[in-house]
C-alpha atoms as a PDB file:
ATOM      1  CA  UNK A   1       3.948 -14.722   2.107  1.00  0.00           C
ATOM      2  CA  UNK A   2       5.386 -18.433   2.511  1.00  0.00           C
ATOM      3  CA  UNK A   3       8.832 -17.703   2.160  1.00  0.00           C
ATOM      4  CA  UNK A   4       8.813 -16.122   6.110  1.00  0.00           C
ATOM      5  CA  UNK A   5       9.007 -19.562   7.709  1.00  0.00           C
ATOM      6  CA  UNK A   6      12.243 -20.270   5.991  1.00  0.00           C
ATOM      7  CA  UNK A   7      13.509 -17.002   6.929  1.00  0.00           C
ATOM      8  CA  UNK A   8      12.322 -17.781  10.751  1.00  0.00           C
ATOM      9  CA  UNK A   9      13.868 -21.164  10.597  1.00  0.00           C
ATOM     10  CA  UNK A  10      17.350 -19.269   9.189  1.00  0.00           C
ATOM     11  CA  UNK A  11      17.554 -16.879  12.106  1.00  0.00           C
ATOM     12  CA  UNK A  12      16.781 -19.149  14.867  1.00  0.00           C
ATOM     13  CA  UNK A  13      19.344 -21.797  13.273  1.00  0.00           C
ATOM     14  CA  UNK A  14      21.515 -18.798  13.711  1.00  0.00           C
ATOM     15  CA  UNK A  15      20.576 -17.850  16.707  1.00  0.00           C
ATOM     16  CA  UNK A  16      21.646 -21.534  17.866  1.00  0.00           C
ATOM     17  CA  UNK A  17      24.915 -21.516  16.333  1.00  0.00           C
ATOM     18  CA  UNK A  18      23.652 -24.149  13.698  1.00  0.00           C
ATOM     19  CA  UNK A  19      24.254 -21.424  10.917  1.00  0.00           C
ATOM     20  CA  UNK A  20      26.752 -18.867  10.829  1.00  0.00           C
ATOM     21  CA  UNK A  21      26.111 -15.289  11.463  1.00  0.00           C
ATOM     22  CA  UNK A  22      26.416 -12.771   8.728  1.00  0.00           C
ATOM     23  CA  UNK A  23      27.257 -10.144  10.291  1.00  0.00           C
ATOM     24  CA  UNK A  24      25.595  -8.062   7.890  1.00  0.00           C
ATOM     25  CA  UNK A  25      23.059  -4.818   8.397  1.00  0.00           C
ATOM     26  CA  UNK A  26      20.677  -6.444   6.190  1.00  0.00           C
ATOM     27  CA  UNK A  27      20.794 -10.031   8.298  1.00  0.00           C
ATOM     28  CA  UNK A  28      20.006  -7.826  11.469  1.00  0.00           C
ATOM     29  CA  UNK A  29      16.949  -6.302   9.877  1.00  0.00           C
ATOM     30  CA  UNK A  30      15.809  -9.884   8.962  1.00  0.00           C
ATOM     31  CA  UNK A  31      16.364 -10.898  12.320  1.00  0.00           C
ATOM     32  CA  UNK A  32      14.765  -8.155  13.814  1.00  0.00           C
ATOM     33  CA  UNK A  33      11.718  -8.525  11.173  1.00  0.00           C
ATOM     34  CA  UNK A  34      11.258 -11.827  12.301  1.00  0.00           C
ATOM     35  CA  UNK A  35      10.769 -11.423  16.015  1.00  0.00           C
ATOM     36  CA  UNK A  36       7.730  -8.957  14.787  1.00  0.00           C
ATOM     37  CA  UNK A  37       4.356 -10.171  15.510  1.00  0.00           C
ATOM     38  CA  UNK A  38       2.857  -8.191  13.324  1.00  0.00           C
ATOM     39  CA  UNK A  39       5.010  -8.905   9.653  1.00  0.00           C
ATOM     40  CA  UNK A  40       3.007 -10.784   8.166  1.00  0.00           C
ATOM     41  CA  UNK A  41       0.505  -8.482   8.460  1.00  0.00           C
ATOM     42  CA  UNK A  42       2.518  -5.281   7.915  1.00  0.00           C
ATOM     43  CA  UNK A  43       3.382  -7.385   4.673  1.00  0.00           C
ATOM     44  CA  UNK A  44      -0.017  -7.834   3.743  1.00  0.00           C
ATOM     45  CA  UNK A  45      -0.789  -4.485   3.934  1.00  0.00           C
ATOM     46  CA  UNK A  46       2.219  -3.102   1.625  1.00  0.00           C
ATOM     47  CA  UNK A  47       0.838  -5.860  -0.541  1.00  0.00           C
ATOM     48  CA  UNK A  48      -2.467  -5.009  -0.746  1.00  0.00           C
ATOM     49  CA  UNK A  49      -1.163  -1.121  -1.522  1.00  0.00           C
ATOM     50  CA  UNK A  50       0.734  -1.916  -3.684  1.00  0.00           C
ATOM     51  CA  UNK A  51      -0.841  -4.563  -6.251  1.00  0.00           C
ATOM     52  CA  UNK A  52      -3.393  -1.620  -7.382  1.00  0.00           C
ATOM     53  CA  UNK A  53      -0.404   0.590  -8.153  1.00  0.00           C
ATOM     54  CA  UNK A  54       1.410  -2.008  -9.905  1.00  0.00           C
ATOM     55  CA  UNK A  55      -1.236  -2.723 -12.048  1.00  0.00           C
ATOM     56  CA  UNK A  56      -1.428   1.151 -12.771  1.00  0.00           C
ATOM     57  CA  UNK A  57       1.764   1.333 -13.787  1.00  0.00           C
ATOM     58  CA  UNK A  58       1.962  -1.558 -15.910  1.00  0.00           C
ATOM     59  CA  UNK A  59      -1.125  -0.053 -18.086  1.00  0.00           C
ATOM     60  CA  UNK A  60       1.246   3.156 -18.542  1.00  0.00           C
ATOM     61  CA  UNK A  61       4.437   1.234 -19.428  1.00  0.00           C
ATOM     62  CA  UNK A  62       4.037   1.695 -23.101  1.00  0.00           C
ATOM     63  CA  UNK A  63       5.002   4.001 -26.353  1.00  0.00           C
ATOM     64  CA  UNK A  64       1.549   4.984 -26.738  1.00  0.00           C
ATOM     65  CA  UNK A  65       0.437   8.205 -25.437  1.00  0.00           C
ATOM     66  CA  UNK A  66      -1.307   7.311 -22.792  1.00  0.00           C
ATOM     67  CA  UNK A  67      -1.306  10.970 -20.559  1.00  0.00           C
ATOM     68  CA  UNK A  68      -5.148  11.892 -21.449  1.00  0.00           C
ATOM     69  CA  UNK A  69      -6.060   8.662 -19.452  1.00  0.00           C
ATOM     70  CA  UNK A  70      -3.585   9.282 -16.508  1.00  0.00           C
ATOM     71  CA  UNK A  71      -5.942  11.995 -14.634  1.00  0.00           C
ATOM     72  CA  UNK A  72      -9.021   9.410 -14.168  1.00  0.00           C
ATOM     73  CA  UNK A  73      -6.439   6.239 -13.666  1.00  0.00           C
ATOM     74  CA  UNK A  74      -5.055   8.038 -10.684  1.00  0.00           C
ATOM     75  CA  UNK A  75      -8.485   9.171  -9.558  1.00  0.00           C
ATOM     76  CA  UNK A  76      -9.498   5.381  -9.499  1.00  0.00           C
ATOM     77  CA  UNK A  77      -6.414   4.795  -8.003  1.00  0.00           C
ATOM     78  CA  UNK A  78      -6.429   6.946  -5.177  1.00  0.00           C
ATOM     79  CA  UNK A  79     -10.517   6.450  -4.663  1.00  0.00           C
ATOM     80  CA  UNK A  80     -10.173   3.058  -4.481  1.00  0.00           C
ATOM     81  CA  UNK A  81      -7.118   2.932  -2.258  1.00  0.00           C
ATOM     82  CA  UNK A  82      -8.920   5.658   0.216  1.00  0.00           C
ATOM     83  CA  UNK A  83     -12.206   3.311   0.196  1.00  0.00           C
ATOM     84  CA  UNK A  84     -10.092   0.372   2.188  1.00  0.00           C
ATOM     85  CA  UNK A  85      -9.231   2.596   4.949  1.00  0.00           C
ATOM     86  CA  UNK A  86     -12.080   4.985   5.217  1.00  0.00           C
ATOM     87  CA  UNK A  87     -15.778   5.021   4.673  1.00  0.00           C
ATOM     88  CA  UNK A  88     -16.168   7.553   1.807  1.00  0.00           C
ATOM     89  CA  UNK A  89     -18.775   9.143   0.060  1.00  0.00           C
ATOM     90  CA  UNK A  90     -17.270  10.873  -3.545  1.00  0.00           C
ATOM     91  CA  UNK A  91     -19.762  13.407  -5.413  1.00  0.00           C
ATOM     92  CA  UNK A  92     -18.883  15.503  -8.373  1.00  0.00           C
ATOM     93  CA  UNK A  93     -19.579  19.269  -7.884  1.00  0.00           C
ATOM     94  CA  UNK A  94     -21.850  20.315 -10.343  1.00  0.00           C
ATOM     95  CA  UNK A  95     -20.652  23.834  -9.991  1.00  0.00           C
ATOM     96  CA  UNK A  96     -16.640  23.028 -10.359  1.00  0.00           C
ATOM     97  CA  UNK A  97     -16.133  20.212 -12.212  1.00  0.00           C
ATOM     98  CA  UNK A  98     -12.163  19.936 -11.477  1.00  0.00           C
ATOM     99  CA  UNK A  99     -13.283  19.655  -7.643  1.00  0.00           C
ATOM    100  CA  UNK A 100     -14.313  16.267  -6.089  1.00  0.00           C
ATOM    101  CA  UNK A 101     -16.291  16.488  -2.534  1.00  0.00           C
ATOM    102  CA  UNK A 102     -14.699  13.796  -0.292  1.00  0.00           C
ATOM    103  CA  UNK A 103     -16.775  13.244   2.733  1.00  0.00           C
ATOM    104  CA  UNK A 104     -15.250  11.334   5.364  1.00  0.00           C
ATOM    105  CA  UNK A 105     -17.487   9.876   7.759  1.00  0.00           C
ATOM    106  CA  UNK A 106     -16.445   8.994  11.205  1.00  0.00           C
ATOM    107  CA  UNK A 107     -18.473   7.450  14.243  1.00  0.00           C
ATOM    108  CA  UNK A 108     -18.546  11.112  15.847  1.00  0.00           C
ATOM    109  CA  UNK A 109     -18.604  13.586  12.819  1.00  0.00           C
ATOM    110  CA  UNK A 110     -18.705  14.346   9.005  1.00  0.00           C
ATOM    111  CA  UNK A 111     -16.069  16.374   7.557  1.00  0.00           C
ATOM    112  CA  UNK A 112     -16.150  17.680   3.785  1.00  0.00           C
ATOM    113  CA  UNK A 113     -12.895  17.848   2.124  1.00  0.00           C
ATOM    114  CA  UNK A 114     -12.521  19.421  -1.495  1.00  0.00           C
ATOM    115  CA  UNK A 115      -9.826  18.276  -3.387  1.00  0.00           C
ATOM    116  CA  UNK A 116      -8.611  19.605  -6.965  1.00  0.00           C
ATOM    117  CA  UNK A 117      -8.332  17.151  -9.148  1.00  0.00           C
END
C-alpha cells in the first residue's frame, strides 16, 4: 500500500511534463486510480477479502488428497467472509444435515435464507 505514494508522484510528474507520458492504456488506468479518493479503501477491501482466499488456496496446493476437507474449508471461508459484511447467525438444521440456515439480521427485519452446502 506504500507504493501508491510513488505512483501518485509519477502521475503528477507526467502531468507537469517532467516525465514522458507513456501514452498506454495501462497508464491511463493508473492515472484514473491516482485521482480516485477511495482508491486506498478499495485496495484495502480487496486485500481483506483476498487474504483468506489465498490461505485456503495455499493449503490445497499439494499432491496429497485434500478433497475431503474442501467442503468444511469452503464453508469456513464463506462464513468468515460474510461475517465481515453482515451480522449473521449460523445454525445447523437438525433434520437436514446438508442445509445450513443463515439468519441475516438487519435493523428493520430478519430474513432466513436456506443454503445447500
